Protein backbone atom coordinates (compact mmCIF):
# COMPACT_ATOMS: atom_id res chain seq x y z
CA MET A 1 -92.05 -85.79 9.12
CA THR A 2 -92.97 -88.64 11.27
CA THR A 3 -96.67 -89.63 12.65
CA SER A 4 -98.01 -91.65 15.57
CA HIS A 5 -101.11 -92.07 14.60
CA SER A 6 -102.77 -88.67 16.23
CA PRO A 7 -104.14 -86.57 14.32
CA LEU A 8 -103.06 -83.32 16.61
CA HIS A 9 -98.92 -84.42 16.47
CA LEU A 10 -99.26 -84.43 12.28
CA ILE A 11 -101.09 -80.91 12.16
CA LYS A 12 -98.74 -79.67 15.14
CA GLN A 13 -95.66 -80.93 12.92
CA LEU A 14 -97.53 -79.52 9.68
CA ILE A 15 -97.67 -76.26 11.97
CA VAL A 16 -93.96 -76.09 12.92
CA LEU A 17 -93.35 -77.38 8.83
CA GLU A 18 -95.14 -73.88 7.67
CA ARG A 19 -95.12 -71.43 10.83
CA ASP A 20 -93.80 -68.71 8.93
CA ASP A 21 -96.61 -68.62 7.00
CA ILE A 22 -98.95 -69.42 9.86
CA ILE A 23 -97.42 -66.67 11.85
CA THR A 24 -97.98 -63.72 9.12
CA LEU A 25 -101.83 -65.28 8.65
CA ILE A 26 -102.34 -64.33 12.75
CA ALA A 27 -100.69 -60.74 12.19
CA TYR A 28 -102.94 -59.79 9.12
CA GLY A 29 -105.51 -61.19 11.34
CA LEU A 30 -104.39 -59.08 14.07
CA GLY A 31 -104.19 -56.43 12.09
CA ILE A 32 -108.16 -56.78 10.90
CA GLY A 33 -109.30 -57.20 13.78
CA LEU A 34 -107.96 -54.04 15.04
CA MET A 35 -108.89 -52.23 11.78
CA SER A 36 -112.38 -54.00 12.72
CA LEU A 37 -113.04 -51.90 15.87
CA ALA A 38 -112.52 -48.69 13.31
CA THR A 39 -116.33 -48.16 12.23
CA PRO A 40 -117.76 -48.77 15.83
CA VAL A 41 -115.29 -46.43 17.52
CA ALA A 42 -115.81 -44.31 14.69
CA VAL A 43 -119.79 -44.62 15.09
CA GLN A 44 -119.03 -43.19 18.73
CA THR A 45 -117.00 -40.24 18.07
CA LEU A 46 -120.09 -39.67 15.29
CA VAL A 47 -122.76 -39.63 17.98
CA ASN A 48 -120.76 -38.50 20.70
CA THR A 49 -120.02 -35.21 18.09
CA VAL A 50 -123.59 -34.97 16.55
CA ALA A 51 -124.94 -34.78 20.20
CA PHE A 52 -122.93 -31.55 20.86
CA GLY A 53 -123.51 -30.23 18.03
CA ALA A 54 -119.86 -30.04 16.09
CA LEU A 55 -118.94 -28.78 12.95
CA PHE A 56 -118.91 -30.50 9.73
CA GLN A 57 -115.47 -30.43 9.06
CA PRO A 58 -114.47 -32.86 11.99
CA LEU A 59 -117.14 -35.28 10.15
CA VAL A 60 -115.13 -35.03 7.08
CA VAL A 61 -111.89 -35.68 8.65
CA LEU A 62 -113.58 -38.51 10.77
CA ALA A 63 -114.84 -40.19 7.40
CA LEU A 64 -111.69 -40.10 5.60
CA VAL A 65 -109.91 -41.55 9.14
CA LEU A 66 -112.50 -44.39 8.21
CA PHE A 67 -112.04 -44.87 4.87
CA VAL A 68 -108.44 -45.46 5.40
CA LEU A 69 -108.62 -47.82 8.11
CA VAL A 70 -111.24 -50.26 6.31
CA GLY A 71 -109.18 -49.61 3.52
CA PHE A 72 -105.94 -51.16 5.22
CA SER A 73 -108.16 -53.86 6.64
CA ASN A 74 -109.48 -55.10 3.77
CA ALA A 75 -105.90 -54.93 2.13
CA LEU A 76 -104.53 -56.76 4.73
CA SER A 77 -107.36 -59.35 3.87
CA GLY A 78 -106.55 -59.51 0.44
CA LEU A 79 -102.79 -60.33 1.44
CA GLN A 80 -104.02 -63.17 3.61
CA PHE A 81 -106.52 -64.60 0.81
CA TYR A 82 -103.39 -65.12 -0.92
CA VAL A 83 -100.59 -66.07 1.41
CA MET A 84 -103.36 -68.86 2.38
CA ASP A 85 -103.43 -69.88 -1.38
CA MET A 86 -99.74 -70.48 -1.28
CA LEU A 87 -100.14 -72.27 1.87
CA GLN A 88 -102.55 -74.79 0.59
CA ARG A 89 -100.45 -75.35 -2.55
CA ARG A 90 -97.30 -76.23 -0.69
CA LEU A 91 -99.05 -78.42 1.96
CA PHE A 92 -100.77 -80.34 -0.88
CA VAL A 93 -97.13 -80.83 -2.66
CA ARG A 94 -95.39 -81.43 0.78
CA LEU A 95 -97.78 -84.04 1.55
CA LEU A 96 -97.91 -85.29 -2.03
CA GLY A 97 -94.12 -85.99 -1.74
CA GLU A 98 -94.27 -87.61 1.76
CA THR A 99 -96.91 -90.43 0.55
CA ALA A 100 -94.99 -91.09 -2.32
CA ASN A 101 -91.94 -91.43 -0.36
CA ARG A 102 -93.08 -94.01 2.14
CA LEU A 103 -95.24 -95.66 -0.22
CA GLN A 104 -91.93 -96.34 -2.11
CA ASN A 105 -90.07 -97.32 0.68
CA ALA A 106 -93.07 -99.86 2.33
CA HIS A 107 -91.79 -102.73 4.25
CA ILE A 108 -93.41 -106.15 2.46
CA GLU A 109 -95.24 -106.52 5.93
CA SER A 110 -97.32 -103.36 5.30
CA SER A 111 -99.32 -105.13 2.22
CA GLU A 112 -100.20 -108.00 4.34
CA HIS A 113 -101.48 -105.70 6.95
CA HIS A 114 -103.43 -103.33 4.67
CA HIS A 115 -105.02 -103.06 1.47
CA LEU A 116 -102.46 -100.04 0.08
CA PRO A 117 -104.24 -99.07 -2.94
CA GLU A 118 -107.61 -98.80 -0.79
CA LEU A 119 -105.63 -96.87 2.04
CA VAL A 120 -104.04 -94.33 -0.77
CA ASN A 121 -107.81 -92.89 -0.51
CA ARG A 122 -107.13 -91.64 2.45
CA PHE A 123 -104.66 -88.91 0.56
CA LEU A 124 -107.85 -87.10 -0.48
CA ASP A 125 -108.13 -85.72 2.66
CA VAL A 126 -105.28 -83.46 1.98
CA VAL A 127 -108.30 -81.43 0.15
CA ASN A 128 -110.23 -81.60 2.92
CA LEU A 129 -107.39 -80.51 5.04
CA ASN A 130 -106.96 -77.82 3.07
CA LYS A 131 -110.78 -76.26 2.95
CA ALA A 132 -110.48 -76.73 6.63
CA ALA A 133 -107.44 -74.91 7.17
CA THR A 134 -108.62 -72.10 5.20
CA THR A 135 -111.72 -71.72 6.84
CA ILE A 136 -109.61 -71.46 10.16
CA LEU A 137 -106.94 -69.41 9.46
CA LEU A 138 -108.85 -66.72 7.78
CA GLU A 139 -112.26 -66.77 9.29
CA THR A 140 -112.60 -68.53 12.58
CA LEU A 141 -109.23 -66.97 13.62
CA GLY A 142 -110.27 -63.08 12.49
CA TYR A 143 -113.35 -64.25 14.48
CA VAL A 144 -111.29 -65.25 17.87
CA LEU A 145 -109.14 -62.12 17.30
CA GLN A 146 -111.69 -59.59 16.42
CA THR A 147 -113.87 -61.35 20.06
CA LEU A 148 -110.81 -60.99 22.11
CA ILE A 149 -110.25 -57.45 20.86
CA GLY A 150 -113.81 -56.15 21.33
CA MET A 151 -113.67 -58.14 25.02
CA ILE A 152 -110.78 -55.53 26.09
CA LEU A 153 -112.48 -53.21 24.56
CA LEU A 154 -115.30 -53.55 26.43
CA ALA A 155 -113.37 -54.03 29.70
CA PHE A 156 -111.95 -50.27 29.40
CA TYR A 157 -116.00 -49.24 29.22
CA HIS A 158 -117.52 -50.66 32.99
CA PRO A 159 -117.16 -53.11 35.23
CA LEU A 160 -119.93 -54.86 34.48
CA LEU A 161 -118.72 -55.15 30.86
CA LEU A 162 -115.89 -57.11 31.88
CA ALA A 163 -118.26 -59.24 33.75
CA PHE A 164 -120.67 -59.19 30.61
CA ASP A 165 -117.09 -60.67 28.96
CA PHE A 166 -116.75 -63.86 31.53
CA PHE A 167 -119.84 -64.81 31.05
CA LEU A 168 -119.34 -65.33 27.86
CA ILE A 169 -116.01 -66.73 28.15
CA ILE A 170 -117.10 -69.54 30.28
CA SER A 171 -120.42 -69.95 28.34
CA LEU A 172 -118.26 -70.89 25.10
CA GLY A 173 -115.99 -72.92 27.21
CA ILE A 174 -119.16 -74.98 28.06
CA ILE A 175 -120.29 -75.16 24.97
CA LEU A 176 -116.74 -76.46 22.81
CA PHE A 177 -115.58 -78.40 25.50
CA GLY A 178 -118.61 -79.55 28.36
CA LEU A 179 -120.96 -80.03 24.94
CA GLY A 180 -118.28 -81.06 22.48
CA LYS A 181 -117.33 -84.26 24.42
CA ASN A 182 -116.71 -87.06 22.42
CA SER A 183 -116.56 -84.87 18.84
CA ILE A 184 -113.90 -85.91 18.08
CA LYS A 185 -114.07 -89.58 18.02
CA THR A 186 -117.38 -89.57 16.69
CA ALA A 187 -116.28 -87.34 13.72
CA ILE A 188 -114.06 -89.85 13.10
CA ALA A 189 -115.69 -92.78 13.11
CA GLN A 190 -118.08 -90.98 10.52
CA SER A 191 -115.12 -90.57 8.50
CA LYS A 192 -114.09 -94.54 8.66
CA ALA A 193 -117.77 -95.23 7.72
CA LYS A 194 -117.15 -93.08 4.73
CA TYR A 195 -114.16 -94.60 3.55
CA GLU A 196 -115.99 -98.33 3.80
CA VAL A 197 -118.59 -97.25 1.62
CA LEU A 198 -115.98 -96.46 -0.77
CA ALA A 199 -113.97 -99.42 -0.19
CA TRP A 200 -116.80 -101.67 -0.73
CA LEU A 201 -117.45 -99.43 -4.36
CA GLU A 202 -114.27 -100.52 -5.49
CA ASN A 203 -114.97 -104.01 -4.87
CA ILE A 204 -117.57 -104.16 -6.32
CA ALA A 205 -116.37 -102.43 -10.04
CA SER A 206 -112.77 -104.70 -9.02
CA HIS A 207 -115.29 -108.03 -9.27
CA LEU A 208 -117.84 -107.08 -12.31
CA VAL A 209 -117.76 -111.02 -13.62
CA ILE A 210 -119.07 -112.23 -10.08
CA SER A 211 -121.91 -109.55 -9.97
CA LYS A 212 -123.65 -110.29 -12.71
CA SER A 213 -125.38 -113.75 -10.99
CA ALA A 214 -128.72 -112.60 -9.35
CA ALA A 215 -127.47 -114.53 -6.38
CA ALA A 216 -124.74 -111.90 -6.43
CA GLN A 217 -126.48 -109.10 -6.79
CA GLN A 218 -128.58 -110.02 -3.87
CA PHE A 219 -126.18 -110.18 -1.67
CA LEU A 220 -124.20 -107.32 -2.96
CA ASP A 221 -127.64 -105.04 -1.98
CA THR A 222 -127.61 -106.69 1.10
CA LYS A 223 -124.33 -105.70 1.84
CA THR A 224 -124.46 -102.41 0.06
CA LYS A 225 -127.34 -101.92 2.66
CA HIS A 226 -125.69 -102.58 5.85
CA ILE A 227 -123.35 -100.43 5.42
CA ALA A 228 -125.37 -97.83 4.25
CA GLU A 229 -127.24 -97.87 7.37
CA ASN A 230 -123.89 -98.20 9.44
CA TYR A 231 -122.86 -94.44 7.61
CA LEU A 232 -125.67 -93.29 8.55
CA ASP A 233 -125.83 -94.15 12.36
CA ALA A 234 -122.37 -92.65 12.30
CA CYS A 235 -123.43 -89.23 10.64
CA ALA A 236 -126.53 -89.24 13.43
CA LYS A 237 -124.46 -89.56 16.64
CA HIS A 238 -121.69 -86.81 15.64
CA PHE A 239 -124.71 -84.50 13.68
CA ALA A 240 -126.15 -85.40 17.92
CA ILE A 241 -123.01 -83.39 19.26
CA LEU A 242 -122.73 -81.14 16.70
CA ALA A 243 -126.40 -79.96 16.28
CA ARG A 244 -126.23 -79.81 20.15
CA GLN A 245 -123.29 -77.39 20.11
CA ASN A 246 -124.52 -75.33 17.27
CA THR A 247 -128.18 -74.89 19.19
CA SER A 248 -126.44 -73.70 22.23
CA GLY A 249 -124.49 -71.36 19.88
CA LEU A 250 -127.70 -69.69 18.76
CA VAL A 251 -129.19 -69.53 21.96
CA LEU A 252 -126.21 -67.78 23.69
CA HIS A 253 -125.99 -65.06 20.46
CA THR A 254 -129.89 -64.57 21.65
CA LEU A 255 -129.15 -63.97 25.09
CA ALA A 256 -125.61 -62.04 24.83
CA ASN A 257 -127.84 -59.61 22.71
CA THR A 258 -130.26 -58.94 24.57
CA LEU A 259 -128.56 -59.01 27.99
CA LEU A 260 -125.97 -56.11 26.59
CA LEU A 261 -128.80 -53.90 25.27
CA GLY A 262 -130.56 -54.44 28.51
CA MET A 263 -127.56 -53.71 30.68
CA GLY A 264 -126.24 -50.95 28.18
CA GLY A 265 -129.57 -49.28 28.36
CA TRP A 266 -129.67 -49.19 32.14
CA MET A 267 -126.02 -48.19 32.35
CA VAL A 268 -126.79 -45.34 30.16
CA LEU A 269 -129.56 -44.09 31.94
CA GLU A 270 -127.59 -44.29 35.14
CA ARG A 271 -124.80 -41.85 33.06
CA GLN A 272 -122.31 -44.56 33.91
CA LEU A 273 -122.41 -44.95 29.93
CA SER A 274 -122.44 -42.80 27.13
CA LEU A 275 -125.08 -42.97 24.04
CA GLY A 276 -122.10 -43.61 21.91
CA GLN A 277 -120.56 -45.96 23.84
CA LEU A 278 -123.24 -47.83 23.82
CA ILE A 279 -124.32 -48.28 20.09
CA ALA A 280 -120.19 -48.55 19.91
CA ALA A 281 -120.81 -51.83 22.41
CA GLU A 282 -123.42 -53.33 20.35
CA LEU A 283 -121.65 -52.79 17.60
CA ILE A 284 -118.49 -54.81 19.15
CA VAL A 285 -120.65 -57.44 20.40
CA SER A 286 -122.88 -58.44 16.86
CA ASN A 287 -119.27 -58.77 15.37
CA MET A 288 -118.54 -61.00 18.18
CA MET A 289 -121.60 -62.38 18.43
CA TYR A 290 -122.00 -63.23 14.52
CA GLY A 291 -119.25 -66.18 15.02
CA LEU A 292 -121.87 -67.95 16.80
CA THR A 293 -124.12 -67.65 14.25
CA ARG A 294 -121.81 -69.41 12.71
CA LEU A 295 -120.80 -71.79 15.04
CA GLY A 296 -121.53 -75.32 13.09
CA LYS A 297 -119.68 -74.64 10.49
CA THR A 298 -116.71 -73.55 12.61
CA LEU A 299 -116.56 -76.48 14.44
CA SER A 300 -117.39 -78.38 11.55
CA SER A 301 -114.60 -77.39 9.42
CA PHE A 302 -112.62 -77.81 13.28
CA TYR A 303 -113.65 -81.90 13.24
CA ALA A 304 -112.95 -82.15 9.09
CA LEU A 305 -109.21 -80.93 10.15
CA MET A 306 -108.93 -83.47 12.74
CA VAL A 307 -110.35 -86.10 10.78
CA SER A 308 -108.13 -85.42 8.21
CA GLY A 309 -105.35 -85.18 10.21
CA ASP A 310 -106.01 -88.80 11.17
CA LYS A 311 -106.50 -89.98 7.80
CA LEU A 312 -103.23 -88.99 6.56
CA SER A 313 -101.90 -89.91 9.70
CA HIS A 314 -102.57 -93.51 9.02
CA LEU A 315 -101.38 -93.33 5.54
CA LEU A 316 -97.94 -92.09 6.59
CA ASP A 317 -97.60 -94.32 9.34
CA ILE A 318 -97.08 -97.23 6.70
CA PRO A 319 -94.44 -99.27 8.51
CA GLN A 320 -91.20 -98.37 6.36
CA GLU A 321 -87.92 -100.48 5.09
CA THR A 322 -84.60 -99.53 6.35
CA VAL A 323 -82.04 -98.35 3.85
CA GLN A 324 -78.69 -98.03 4.11
CA GLY A 325 -75.67 -99.15 4.05
CA SER A 326 -72.57 -99.31 1.00
CA LEU A 327 -73.28 -100.66 -2.31
CA VAL A 328 -72.05 -103.37 -3.31
CA ASN A 329 -68.97 -103.70 -5.32
CA PRO A 330 -69.37 -102.98 -9.29
CA THR A 331 -69.19 -106.76 -10.61
CA ASN A 332 -70.13 -107.82 -13.87
CA THR A 333 -70.71 -111.13 -13.03
CA ALA A 334 -73.37 -112.75 -11.31
CA TYR A 335 -73.72 -112.81 -7.73
CA GLN A 336 -72.31 -115.40 -5.45
CA VAL A 337 -75.13 -116.57 -2.98
CA ASP A 338 -74.81 -117.59 0.77
CA VAL A 339 -77.86 -118.12 3.31
CA HIS A 340 -76.38 -118.96 6.85
CA SER A 341 -79.28 -120.24 9.19
CA ILE A 342 -82.25 -118.10 8.74
CA PHE A 343 -85.38 -118.49 10.66
CA LEU A 344 -88.23 -116.51 9.53
CA ALA A 345 -91.32 -115.46 12.08
CA GLU A 346 -93.70 -117.96 11.97
CA SER A 347 -97.02 -116.61 10.27
CA PRO A 348 -100.00 -117.55 7.93
CA ASN A 349 -98.48 -115.44 5.63
CA ILE A 350 -94.51 -116.61 5.14
CA ASP A 351 -93.02 -119.84 4.84
CA LYS A 352 -92.09 -121.95 7.10
CA VAL A 353 -88.13 -121.13 7.05
CA GLN A 354 -86.05 -122.36 10.24
CA GLY A 355 -82.57 -123.07 9.67
CA LEU A 356 -82.56 -122.84 6.41
CA GLU A 357 -79.06 -122.90 4.25
CA LEU A 358 -78.11 -122.31 0.67
CA HIS A 359 -75.18 -121.76 -0.90
CA LEU A 360 -74.91 -120.77 -4.81
CA SER A 361 -72.13 -120.57 -6.72
CA ALA A 362 -72.22 -117.33 -9.18
CA GLY A 363 -74.24 -118.02 -12.51
CA GLU A 364 -75.80 -120.99 -10.80
CA LYS A 365 -79.70 -121.96 -11.59
CA LEU A 366 -81.71 -122.92 -8.74
CA VAL A 367 -85.04 -124.16 -8.92
CA ILE A 368 -87.51 -124.51 -5.90
CA SER A 369 -90.51 -126.59 -6.55
CA SER A 370 -92.86 -127.08 -3.55
CA GLY A 371 -93.03 -125.44 -0.15
CA ALA A 372 -92.24 -122.12 -1.28
CA ASP A 373 -95.57 -121.08 -2.27
CA ARG A 374 -95.36 -117.73 -0.39
CA GLY A 375 -91.84 -116.75 -2.10
CA SER A 376 -90.37 -115.89 1.33
CA LEU A 377 -86.58 -116.83 0.64
CA LEU A 378 -86.83 -114.60 -2.42
CA ASP A 379 -88.44 -112.18 0.09
CA VAL A 380 -85.66 -112.19 2.16
CA LEU A 381 -83.20 -112.16 -0.76
CA TYR A 382 -84.43 -109.24 -2.42
CA GLY A 383 -84.14 -107.48 1.17
CA LEU A 384 -88.02 -107.38 1.95
CA ARG A 385 -88.52 -109.47 4.67
CA LEU A 386 -85.69 -109.15 7.75
CA PRO A 387 -85.26 -112.67 8.83
CA VAL A 388 -85.20 -113.33 12.82
CA SER A 389 -81.43 -115.18 12.93
CA GLY A 390 -79.38 -115.82 10.39
CA TYR A 391 -78.08 -113.78 7.17
CA VAL A 392 -77.93 -113.12 3.76
CA ARG A 393 -74.25 -112.76 2.07
CA LEU A 394 -74.14 -111.50 -1.72
CA ASN A 395 -70.56 -112.15 -3.06
CA ASP A 396 -69.60 -111.76 0.51
CA HIS A 397 -71.01 -108.72 1.47
CA ASP A 398 -74.02 -109.37 4.56
CA LEU A 399 -77.04 -108.04 3.38
CA ARG A 400 -77.68 -106.20 6.33
CA ASP A 401 -74.57 -103.85 5.70
CA LEU A 402 -75.94 -103.04 1.85
CA ASN A 403 -77.74 -100.04 0.38
CA LEU A 404 -81.04 -102.15 -0.18
CA ARG A 405 -82.34 -99.16 -2.68
CA LEU A 406 -79.20 -99.50 -4.68
CA LEU A 407 -78.66 -103.02 -4.22
CA ARG A 408 -82.00 -103.87 -5.75
CA ASP A 409 -80.79 -101.83 -9.01
CA THR A 410 -78.73 -105.25 -9.35
CA VAL A 411 -81.10 -107.58 -8.33
CA CYS A 412 -84.58 -107.84 -9.80
CA LEU A 413 -87.57 -109.80 -8.50
CA VAL A 414 -90.38 -110.35 -10.47
CA ARG A 415 -93.90 -111.99 -9.30
CA ASP A 416 -96.87 -110.34 -10.24
CA ALA A 417 -97.34 -107.73 -13.28
CA GLU A 418 -96.29 -104.49 -11.98
CA ILE A 419 -97.47 -102.09 -14.94
CA ILE A 420 -97.21 -97.94 -14.07
CA ASP A 421 -99.26 -96.08 -15.49
CA ALA A 422 -97.01 -94.67 -18.61
CA SER A 423 -95.65 -95.46 -21.86
CA ILE A 424 -94.24 -99.08 -22.59
CA LEU A 425 -90.70 -97.60 -22.78
CA ASP A 426 -91.24 -95.96 -19.54
CA ASN A 427 -92.14 -99.09 -18.27
CA LEU A 428 -89.12 -100.53 -19.52
CA ARG A 429 -85.92 -98.50 -18.49
CA LEU A 430 -87.68 -96.72 -15.13
CA SER A 431 -85.21 -93.87 -15.56
CA ARG A 432 -82.37 -96.20 -16.30
CA ASP A 433 -80.26 -95.47 -19.08
CA ILE A 434 -80.65 -98.17 -21.37
CA GLU A 435 -80.32 -98.13 -25.37
CA LEU A 436 -83.28 -98.85 -27.21
CA SER A 437 -81.62 -101.84 -28.85
CA VAL A 438 -81.03 -103.37 -25.54
CA LEU A 439 -85.33 -103.20 -24.89
CA TRP A 440 -86.40 -104.68 -28.23
CA ASP A 441 -84.02 -107.34 -27.91
CA ALA A 442 -85.31 -108.40 -24.03
CA LEU A 443 -88.77 -107.63 -25.43
CA ASP A 444 -88.05 -110.42 -27.92
CA LYS A 445 -87.17 -112.72 -25.73
CA VAL A 446 -90.29 -113.23 -23.80
CA GLY A 447 -92.17 -112.99 -27.34
CA LEU A 448 -93.87 -109.21 -26.77
CA GLN A 449 -91.58 -107.60 -29.68
CA GLU A 450 -94.40 -108.06 -32.68
CA THR A 451 -96.85 -107.26 -30.21
CA VAL A 452 -95.05 -103.85 -29.31
CA ALA A 453 -93.96 -103.29 -32.61
CA HIS A 454 -98.04 -103.74 -34.23
CA LEU A 455 -99.31 -101.12 -31.36
CA THR A 456 -100.26 -97.21 -33.03
CA ASN A 457 -97.27 -95.30 -31.00
CA GLY A 458 -94.54 -99.06 -30.48
CA LEU A 459 -92.64 -98.65 -27.77
CA ASN A 460 -93.91 -95.32 -26.87
CA HIS A 461 -97.42 -96.13 -26.35
CA GLU A 462 -99.03 -95.59 -23.39
CA LEU A 463 -100.68 -97.99 -21.11
CA PRO A 464 -102.54 -97.94 -18.34
CA SER A 465 -102.37 -99.40 -14.82
CA ASN A 466 -104.07 -102.58 -16.16
CA GLY A 467 -102.25 -102.84 -19.00
CA ALA A 468 -104.49 -103.08 -21.97
CA PRO A 469 -104.41 -103.22 -24.57
CA LEU A 470 -102.04 -106.19 -23.41
CA THR A 471 -103.32 -109.12 -21.91
CA ALA A 472 -102.63 -110.42 -18.37
CA GLU A 473 -100.43 -112.64 -19.31
CA GLN A 474 -98.75 -110.12 -21.70
CA CYS A 475 -98.19 -107.79 -18.92
CA LEU A 476 -96.35 -110.21 -16.76
CA ARG A 477 -93.65 -111.23 -19.76
CA LEU A 478 -93.77 -107.38 -19.87
CA THR A 479 -92.45 -107.02 -16.23
CA LEU A 480 -90.01 -109.58 -16.77
CA ALA A 481 -88.54 -107.91 -20.32
CA ARG A 482 -88.28 -105.06 -17.63
CA ALA A 483 -86.11 -107.21 -15.05
CA ILE A 484 -84.42 -108.67 -18.23
CA ALA A 485 -82.81 -105.69 -19.92
CA ALA A 486 -81.55 -104.30 -16.08
CA THR A 487 -79.32 -107.17 -16.69
CA PRO A 488 -79.32 -108.31 -12.93
CA ARG A 489 -76.75 -110.06 -11.04
CA LEU A 490 -79.51 -112.12 -9.20
CA LEU A 491 -82.67 -112.81 -10.53
CA LEU A 492 -86.03 -114.11 -8.73
CA LEU A 493 -89.14 -115.49 -10.35
CA ASP A 494 -91.49 -116.00 -8.22
CA ALA A 495 -93.96 -118.87 -10.26
CA THR A 496 -93.47 -116.67 -12.46
CA LEU A 497 -92.59 -118.94 -15.42
CA ASP A 498 -95.70 -121.14 -14.70
CA ARG A 499 -97.83 -118.23 -15.87
CA ILE A 500 -96.14 -117.75 -19.09
CA ASP A 501 -97.66 -119.12 -22.39
CA SER A 502 -96.42 -122.61 -23.74
CA ARG A 503 -95.67 -121.42 -26.91
CA VAL A 504 -93.00 -118.69 -25.80
CA LEU A 505 -91.90 -120.58 -22.50
CA PRO A 506 -89.31 -123.21 -24.50
CA ASP A 507 -87.30 -119.99 -26.23
CA LEU A 508 -87.62 -118.00 -22.91
CA LEU A 509 -86.34 -121.01 -20.32
CA ASP A 510 -83.24 -121.41 -23.10
CA TYR A 511 -82.08 -117.79 -22.31
CA LEU A 512 -82.75 -117.59 -18.93
CA PHE A 513 -81.33 -120.97 -18.13
CA ALA A 514 -77.88 -120.55 -20.76
CA ASN A 515 -75.03 -120.78 -19.23
CA ASP A 516 -73.55 -117.74 -20.55
CA ALA A 517 -76.62 -115.93 -18.71
CA PRO A 518 -75.28 -113.10 -16.62
CA TRP A 519 -77.05 -113.80 -13.44
CA THR A 520 -77.60 -116.07 -11.05
CA LEU A 521 -81.17 -117.35 -10.82
CA ILE A 522 -83.15 -118.65 -8.43
CA VAL A 523 -86.51 -119.81 -9.77
CA THR A 524 -89.97 -121.08 -7.83
CA SER A 525 -92.11 -123.12 -10.24
CA HIS A 526 -94.07 -126.38 -10.43
CA HIS A 527 -93.60 -126.26 -13.78
CA PRO A 528 -91.93 -129.72 -15.34
CA LEU A 529 -90.11 -127.72 -17.90
CA VAL A 530 -88.73 -125.08 -15.65
CA ILE A 531 -87.49 -127.96 -13.39
CA ALA A 532 -85.72 -129.95 -16.03
CA ARG A 533 -84.17 -127.03 -17.09
CA ALA A 534 -82.56 -126.17 -13.45
CA SER A 535 -78.40 -126.86 -12.39
CA ARG A 536 -80.49 -127.44 -9.47
CA HIS A 537 -83.89 -128.83 -8.08
CA VAL A 538 -84.62 -128.51 -4.48
CA GLN A 539 -87.71 -128.44 -1.97
CA LEU A 540 -88.70 -126.40 0.81
CA ASN A 541 -89.11 -128.81 3.59
CA ASN A 542 -90.25 -128.25 7.08
CA GLY A 543 -88.17 -125.16 6.95
CA VAL A 544 -85.68 -126.62 5.49
CA LEU A 545 -84.08 -126.85 1.43
CA VAL A 546 -83.82 -130.48 0.23
CA GLU A 547 -82.63 -131.62 -3.02
CA ALA A 548 -84.92 -133.18 -4.93
CA SER A 549 -85.07 -136.61 -6.07
């Protein structure tokens, strides 16, 4: 599924993907629309029959026919409701899978331009999308089909009623397109204001300490008031258009009913229309005009559909990294790293890298002590960021030719604590087949073995995304233990060791920097103990690596 920041584009894609069920719903709706004519036609027949003094038997037959047709119509409504529920479930699962996949494969630049956890809130619009689609496919589509069928029937009654049809069509066109100008834009603006409110509340919730002072509370209250005013202003602008359309629909409803009664009465007096046809026409128009009394709700559902498409298209438009190529040749040895004259685009979010050269033999341990505070070189080695020019080779394989997803099973990057809402066991394994003894050994290396053992369920203890009851520093060590347990051939640590408990650090460094360690190690760090363990110590200066003195 591809998107182009256009709600219509996304909705068209969903319609194509779910076209079978949508066609089924339309077919059911068409059947219901045809069956809706049963009552007015039956009434017309009844009036004409009674007027000519008919027998009782035709009335019984007429009632039975009406019973069958109305029953069939209701059966179609039930089937339509069932198909719609199946469609809603499938849309939810389809969009969930697509969103999860795009987040997993998001390019690192996505986090530089968006706050992804806040952006994910847009997924909640799947529920609004389902609700709006239900209203449109079940109710609005039914109104439209009934209206079209009713107009066709009226046109056969009399030429004046055909003119009445054109009057309704032109009036509806003016209401929907003329009076609804910029309605989608204002609906999207209102939705953006809503998500600004949500983002602001999340901001407050994530900074509880700072919000406790009087000065901070005053600032937060002022900011909250400003955001609320923006939301109310957006609501008012959208409601002005919606109210204008809704009021016009109600006026048209009044005029249409009155006009039809006057025209129909005149045609009956002039014997151009039978009394039964007049009553049938009134019933048909009543069904047609019922939709006008609910025009506000119908349009609200349509705008909600457009807004949901807009929000989901933003979420699905997250830039993706390219995953292609072949797997690195399996090896049980550390990787040889060769970086050839790479340049990175200049940006405040990226370390200056211009013509950088780096060559590490397998198993070498490198520390970069300054100039690499943003970890851009490590991003390149992990395949998160592509250089503008130059290239990287791992074990004589060009990084551009490798399948990055498979490569990262043998290359690990540890930057910040990354805890998944799952058990400690799942956090360490991530579906990999790693023996428990290896996991306990990794926990021992980072000094967490006793801590985990004393938890109620040990390795099966469930952790929330914030890692509680573990501290932030322990969560960082748990993330490092995950990397160690994977036995990578290239281990990248971005300022990780600078934040490790000093009581644990010496033994951990002994393990990470051991000559027989199975990885090539590249670390960014300012810590003197870390620098002292390196087999090579360099600094990033003016875009290139220079040997430190």
